Amino acid sequence: MLSDVMEDYLKAIYVLQTEDGPPVSTSAIAERVGKTPPTVTSMLETLEERGLVEREKYKGAELTAEGRTVALEVLRHHRLIEAYLAEHLDYSWSEVHDEADALEHHISEEFERRVAAALGDPVVDPHGDPIPGADLEPPADDGSRPLTEFAVGDRVVIARVSDRDDEELEYLDRAGITPGTTVEVRDVAPFGMVTVAVPDGSAGGDREQSLPETVAAAVRVRPAGADDAAPDAGVGGA
C-alpha cells in the first residue's frame, strides 16, 4: 500500500511531465511538493524500488506505466472533488484545491463513482484542468499554451488556470479571467506585463486588464475560433 506522500509525489511528477515532458528534474519536483532536493532524491529512490518511477542520473525521473496509473487515479479523485465542492457546496475555485488535497487519498471507488455521476461525468475541474476518465487513460492534450506565448492582436480562449496560488485565483476571478472566456491580447510590455481585453458584461463592452508575467504564464489559452465571442474592440478601459 502506498502512503499519501508517495501518491503526492507521483501526482506531482505526472503534472510536471504533462507540462514540460519527461524526465522531470529533482529540483522541479522539490519545488512542486515543497521539499528539499535531498528529501526528493530519497523518495525517488523508494518509488524506483517500488517500480513506480524510472530515473536517469543527472537528467531526472519519469513515471512507469504503473506509476502513471496511480497518479491518474489520485488526480481523478482530486479534480472530481474540486468540481463537487464548487458545484454542490458553493466553494470558490480558490478554496477547493486544499480541501481536495486532504480528501483525494481517502475516498472509495464507489464514492468516486457516485460523485462523478452526481456531476454528470465532467471532463474538466473548476480551473479547466482535464479530469482523467474512469479508465485512467491520460486525457488528450487540449492544445493550450501559456498566455505569455501570444502576441498583440491575438484572440484566445482561457482553457486552464493554475490552482497553485489562492491569491492568484482570487485575482483572476475578480478580473473575469476564467475558463471559457475569450480575451484579446492588447499589449505586451517589455517589463513583463501582459494586457488583455476582457468582456465586461455590466458595461456591454470590454475592459483592459494587465497581468504580471508570472500570472499570465499560469493562464493557459488556445486560439479563439470563429464561434468564440470576441471582446468589443470599440470599448476599452484601464
Protein backbone atom coordinates (compact mmCIF):
# COMPACT_ATOMS: atom_id res chain seq x y z
CA MET A 1 0.00 0.00 0.00
CA LEU A 2 1.30 3.44 -0.90
CA SER A 3 1.39 6.30 1.56
CA ASP A 4 -0.31 9.63 0.91
CA VAL A 5 3.11 11.22 0.44
CA MET A 6 4.10 8.68 -2.21
CA GLU A 7 0.89 9.35 -4.10
CA ASP A 8 1.53 13.10 -3.85
CA TYR A 9 4.93 12.64 -5.48
CA LEU A 10 3.51 10.52 -8.28
CA LYS A 11 0.81 13.09 -8.95
CA ALA A 12 3.38 15.90 -8.97
CA ILE A 13 5.63 14.05 -11.41
CA TYR A 14 2.69 13.34 -13.71
CA VAL A 15 1.63 17.00 -13.80
CA LEU A 16 5.21 18.14 -14.44
CA GLN A 17 5.59 15.57 -17.22
CA THR A 18 2.46 16.84 -18.95
CA GLU A 19 3.69 20.44 -18.71
CA ASP A 20 7.32 20.05 -19.76
CA GLY A 21 7.77 16.44 -20.81
CA PRO A 22 9.88 13.76 -19.14
CA PRO A 23 12.25 13.34 -17.50
CA VAL A 24 11.37 15.66 -14.60
CA SER A 25 14.25 17.18 -12.67
CA THR A 26 14.66 16.71 -8.93
CA SER A 27 14.60 20.47 -8.44
CA ALA A 28 11.28 20.80 -10.27
CA ILE A 29 9.74 18.06 -8.13
CA ALA A 30 11.14 19.67 -4.98
CA GLU A 31 9.54 23.00 -5.88
CA ARG A 32 6.24 21.33 -6.68
CA VAL A 33 5.96 19.33 -3.44
CA GLY A 34 7.66 21.88 -1.20
CA LYS A 35 10.54 19.66 -0.10
CA THR A 36 14.34 19.88 -0.30
CA PRO A 37 16.16 18.15 -3.20
CA PRO A 38 17.80 15.58 -0.87
CA THR A 39 14.38 14.64 0.51
CA VAL A 40 13.04 14.29 -3.02
CA THR A 41 16.01 12.14 -4.04
CA SER A 42 15.35 9.79 -1.13
CA MET A 43 11.69 9.45 -2.08
CA LEU A 44 12.53 8.87 -5.74
CA GLU A 45 14.79 6.01 -4.68
CA THR A 46 11.87 4.46 -2.79
CA LEU A 47 9.49 4.93 -5.72
CA GLU A 48 12.05 3.44 -8.08
CA GLU A 49 12.36 0.37 -5.84
CA ARG A 50 8.57 0.02 -6.00
CA GLY A 51 8.67 0.09 -9.81
CA LEU A 52 6.74 3.36 -9.99
CA VAL A 53 9.41 5.64 -11.47
CA GLU A 54 12.47 5.29 -13.62
CA ARG A 55 15.47 7.56 -13.06
CA GLU A 56 18.34 8.63 -15.25
CA LYS A 57 21.37 10.13 -13.49
CA TYR A 58 21.70 13.91 -13.95
CA LYS A 59 18.51 14.05 -16.02
CA GLY A 60 15.59 13.24 -13.76
CA ALA A 61 12.70 10.85 -13.28
CA GLU A 62 9.64 9.72 -15.16
CA LEU A 63 6.71 7.53 -14.27
CA THR A 64 6.46 3.89 -15.23
CA ALA A 65 3.13 2.64 -16.57
CA GLU A 66 2.17 1.55 -13.04
CA GLY A 67 3.23 4.88 -11.55
CA ARG A 68 1.22 6.75 -14.17
CA THR A 69 -1.93 4.74 -13.36
CA VAL A 70 -1.60 5.57 -9.66
CA ALA A 71 -1.04 9.25 -10.46
CA LEU A 72 -4.06 9.39 -12.76
CA GLU A 73 -6.30 7.80 -10.13
CA VAL A 74 -5.23 10.32 -7.48
CA LEU A 75 -5.63 13.16 -9.98
CA ARG A 76 -9.11 11.92 -10.91
CA HIS A 77 -10.11 11.90 -7.24
CA HIS A 78 -8.64 15.36 -6.72
CA ARG A 79 -10.34 17.03 -9.65
CA LEU A 80 -13.70 15.35 -9.12
CA ILE A 81 -13.67 16.52 -5.50
CA GLU A 82 -12.81 20.05 -6.62
CA ALA A 83 -15.71 20.02 -9.06
CA TYR A 84 -18.12 18.66 -6.45
CA LEU A 85 -17.10 21.24 -3.84
CA ALA A 86 -17.55 24.08 -6.32
CA GLU A 87 -20.82 22.89 -7.84
CA HIS A 88 -22.65 21.46 -4.84
CA LEU A 89 -21.10 23.05 -1.75
CA ASP A 90 -20.56 26.60 -3.01
CA TYR A 91 -16.80 26.63 -2.56
CA SER A 92 -14.97 29.24 -4.61
CA TRP A 93 -12.37 27.99 -7.08
CA SER A 94 -9.64 29.38 -4.81
CA GLU A 95 -10.82 27.21 -1.89
CA VAL A 96 -11.20 23.78 -3.47
CA HIS A 97 -7.54 22.80 -4.02
CA ASP A 98 -6.51 22.37 -0.37
CA GLU A 99 -9.72 20.53 0.51
CA ALA A 100 -9.23 18.15 -2.41
CA ASP A 101 -5.61 17.59 -1.41
CA ALA A 102 -6.79 16.42 2.00
CA LEU A 103 -9.53 14.13 0.68
CA GLU A 104 -8.11 12.67 -2.54
CA HIS A 105 -6.30 9.77 -0.84
CA HIS A 106 -9.21 8.63 1.27
CA ILE A 107 -12.28 8.13 -0.91
CA SER A 108 -13.51 4.75 -2.07
CA GLU A 109 -14.06 3.81 -5.69
CA GLU A 110 -17.81 3.71 -5.01
CA PHE A 111 -17.68 7.26 -3.64
CA GLU A 112 -15.71 8.34 -6.71
CA ARG A 113 -18.33 6.74 -8.97
CA ARG A 114 -21.21 8.47 -7.19
CA VAL A 115 -19.50 11.87 -7.25
CA ALA A 116 -18.84 11.53 -10.98
CA ALA A 117 -22.46 10.53 -11.59
CA ALA A 118 -23.80 13.41 -9.49
CA LEU A 119 -21.73 15.81 -11.57
CA GLY A 120 -22.70 14.26 -14.90
CA ASP A 121 -19.22 12.84 -15.53
CA PRO A 122 -17.44 16.18 -16.04
CA VAL A 123 -14.34 16.36 -18.22
CA VAL A 124 -12.73 19.38 -16.52
CA ASP A 125 -12.46 20.74 -12.98
CA PRO A 126 -13.28 24.34 -11.92
CA HIS A 127 -9.86 25.53 -13.10
CA GLY A 128 -10.25 23.96 -16.54
CA ASP A 129 -7.85 21.09 -15.83
CA PRO A 130 -8.89 17.81 -17.50
CA ILE A 131 -10.32 15.09 -15.27
CA PRO A 132 -8.95 11.64 -16.13
CA GLY A 133 -11.67 9.20 -17.09
CA ALA A 134 -12.66 6.11 -15.12
CA ASP A 135 -10.43 4.06 -17.43
CA LEU A 136 -7.43 6.03 -16.08
CA GLU A 137 -6.11 6.78 -19.54
CA PRO A 138 -4.26 10.09 -19.84
CA PRO A 139 -6.56 12.92 -21.01
CA ALA A 140 -5.99 14.13 -24.54
CA ASP A 141 -3.78 17.20 -24.96
CA ASP A 142 -6.08 20.23 -25.11
CA GLY A 143 -3.60 22.20 -27.21
CA SER A 144 -3.41 25.07 -24.74
CA ARG A 145 -0.31 27.20 -24.24
CA PRO A 146 0.68 29.88 -21.71
CA LEU A 147 -0.84 33.31 -22.39
CA THR A 148 2.69 34.72 -22.46
CA GLU A 149 3.34 32.92 -25.78
CA PHE A 150 0.76 35.02 -27.67
CA ALA A 151 1.17 38.39 -29.37
CA VAL A 152 -0.74 41.68 -29.54
CA GLY A 153 -3.96 41.25 -31.52
CA ASP A 154 -4.33 37.54 -30.81
CA ARG A 155 -7.78 36.43 -29.68
CA VAL A 156 -7.64 33.49 -27.30
CA VAL A 157 -9.96 31.44 -25.10
CA ILE A 158 -9.00 30.77 -21.50
CA ALA A 159 -8.58 27.00 -21.22
CA ARG A 160 -6.94 26.38 -17.85
CA VAL A 161 -5.69 28.33 -14.86
CA SER A 162 -3.11 27.05 -12.38
CA ASP A 163 -4.64 26.21 -9.00
CA ARG A 164 -1.35 26.53 -7.10
CA ASP A 165 -1.88 30.03 -5.67
CA ASP A 166 -5.11 31.03 -3.92
CA GLU A 167 -4.40 34.76 -4.19
CA GLU A 168 -3.73 34.46 -7.93
CA LEU A 169 -7.03 32.62 -8.39
CA GLU A 170 -8.95 35.29 -6.47
CA TYR A 171 -7.24 37.99 -8.55
CA LEU A 172 -8.08 36.26 -11.84
CA ASP A 173 -11.67 35.67 -10.72
CA ARG A 174 -12.13 39.38 -9.98
CA ALA A 175 -10.55 40.17 -13.35
CA GLY A 176 -13.01 37.88 -15.15
CA ILE A 177 -10.25 35.64 -16.49
CA THR A 178 -11.87 32.24 -16.12
CA PRO A 179 -12.08 29.11 -18.31
CA GLY A 180 -14.22 29.62 -21.40
CA THR A 181 -13.75 33.40 -21.55
CA THR A 182 -12.48 34.89 -24.81
CA VAL A 183 -9.96 37.71 -24.47
CA GLU A 184 -7.76 39.72 -26.83
CA VAL A 185 -4.11 40.50 -26.19
CA ARG A 186 -3.83 44.30 -26.28
CA ASP A 187 -0.27 44.88 -25.09
CA VAL A 188 2.86 43.00 -24.09
CA ALA A 189 5.13 45.34 -22.14
CA PRO A 190 8.91 44.85 -22.18
CA PHE A 191 8.93 44.93 -18.38
CA GLY A 192 6.71 41.87 -18.06
CA MET A 193 3.06 42.96 -18.10
CA VAL A 194 0.51 41.40 -20.43
CA THR A 195 -2.67 43.42 -21.03
CA VAL A 196 -5.81 41.74 -22.33
CA ALA A 197 -9.30 42.92 -23.17
CA VAL A 198 -11.85 41.10 -21.03
CA PRO A 199 -15.61 41.12 -21.72
CA ASP A 200 -17.41 43.47 -19.33
CA GLY A 201 -20.99 42.31 -19.05
CA SER A 202 -22.13 45.27 -16.94
CA ALA A 203 -20.86 47.83 -19.47
CA GLY A 204 -21.72 45.82 -22.55
CA GLY A 205 -18.20 46.09 -23.95
CA ASP A 206 -14.79 45.20 -22.64
CA ARG A 207 -12.23 46.43 -20.17
CA GLU A 208 -8.49 46.08 -20.17
CA GLN A 209 -6.76 44.03 -17.51
CA SER A 210 -2.99 43.98 -17.03
CA LEU A 211 -1.42 40.82 -15.67
CA PRO A 212 2.10 40.37 -14.28
CA GLU A 213 4.10 37.98 -16.46
CA THR A 214 4.19 35.32 -13.73
CA VAL A 215 0.39 35.35 -13.54
CA ALA A 216 -0.05 35.38 -17.32
CA ALA A 217 2.29 32.37 -17.57
CA ALA A 218 -0.06 30.43 -15.25
CA VAL A 219 -3.01 31.04 -17.58
CA ARG A 220 -3.20 28.54 -20.46
CA VAL A 221 -5.18 29.50 -23.54
CA ARG A 222 -5.99 28.31 -27.04
CA PRO A 223 -6.54 30.39 -30.18
CA ALA A 224 -10.13 31.58 -30.46
CA GLY A 225 -12.24 30.22 -33.31
CA ALA A 226 -14.92 31.93 -35.35
CA ASP A 227 -17.61 30.76 -32.92
CA ASP A 228 -15.91 32.25 -29.85
CA ALA A 229 -17.38 35.60 -28.86
CA ALA A 230 -14.92 38.48 -29.19
CA PRO A 231 -14.47 41.37 -26.76
CA ASP A 232 -15.89 44.61 -28.21
CA ALA A 233 -12.79 46.31 -29.61
CA GLY A 234 -14.56 49.65 -29.65
CA VAL A 235 -14.87 49.92 -25.89
CA GLY A 236 -11.73 49.93 -23.82
CA GLY A 237 -10.68 50.93 -20.35
CA ALA A 238 -7.96 50.54 -17.83
